[in-house]
């Protein structure tokens, strides 16, 4: 279905999965141990997730609208705008879901009695709009914005429950510090995994971007330097994982450690090794898809961690 392709439905499922796993496998069990009820019940947490999904979906739509000519060069077989959905209808969809998302965020802000929360939604929408309009075509700024938004997917969950997290730190510092460590780990994980993938995607699309006057990292500074930046993000990413592993008081070879090594660390090492050798668009695309798998694997690690 063209509409589902336009809003990147599989990516939205990953957003939903991330937020629900963090809420129900990390936060709520910790709150229960600290005798704290969550600020958001099931229905209102669903609305929070829905507002995040709407932000992401709107970002994908405006990105495709702004990148129509570039996509005709870089990935003509995947273009949706003006092939399956007209540009005017896509703009209507964009504004329709953006207004819908704002109404949800407005309601949630009143519900939790924190009106400044209203500013988060339009700020995110505007940031993604300017990203699609110009920032994604500049050196690193587009990569940083997308990576920040991916980290925001996890960050908004703990932000919504921040009062309880503060109280948990007072009532039971052990559980409180564990919750903070997990969220910091996932914020950094999401940011650097996304940075790695976004730079690889820029290298993959360099020919089409160059023809339309973009100034992405590989165009402005060259593919070797862009590869170096991506590899640097990969090294930091691996450093975060090893810090997580060695932060345990006693390292044991259990299901969690095996999962981290086999499901995340080895694929990232392989992706980095392939990046050093890659020269063709097809090779860079493979690395980009592998990075996407690594991000999903990292999210699913929550399931493994919570049950060991």
Foldseek 3Di string as FASTA:
>chain_A
DLLCLQLVVVVLVLLVLLLVLLVPLAPPVLCVVLVHDFLDDPVLSVLVSLLLSLLSSLLSLLLLLLCVQLCCVQPVPSRSEPPPHDSVVSVVVNVVSLVVSLVSQCVSCVSSVHRVSSVVSVVSNVLSNVLSNAQVLAEPRNLQNVLQSQLVSLVVSCVSRVVSLVVSCVRPVVSSVVSVLVSVLSSLLSNLLSSLLSLLVCVLSVVSSVVVPGHYNCNPPNLVVSLVVSVVSLVVNVVSVVCVQVVDPDHDPDPLVVLCVVQAVVLSVVLNVLSVVDDHSVSSVVSSVSSVSNSSSVSCSSVVVSVD
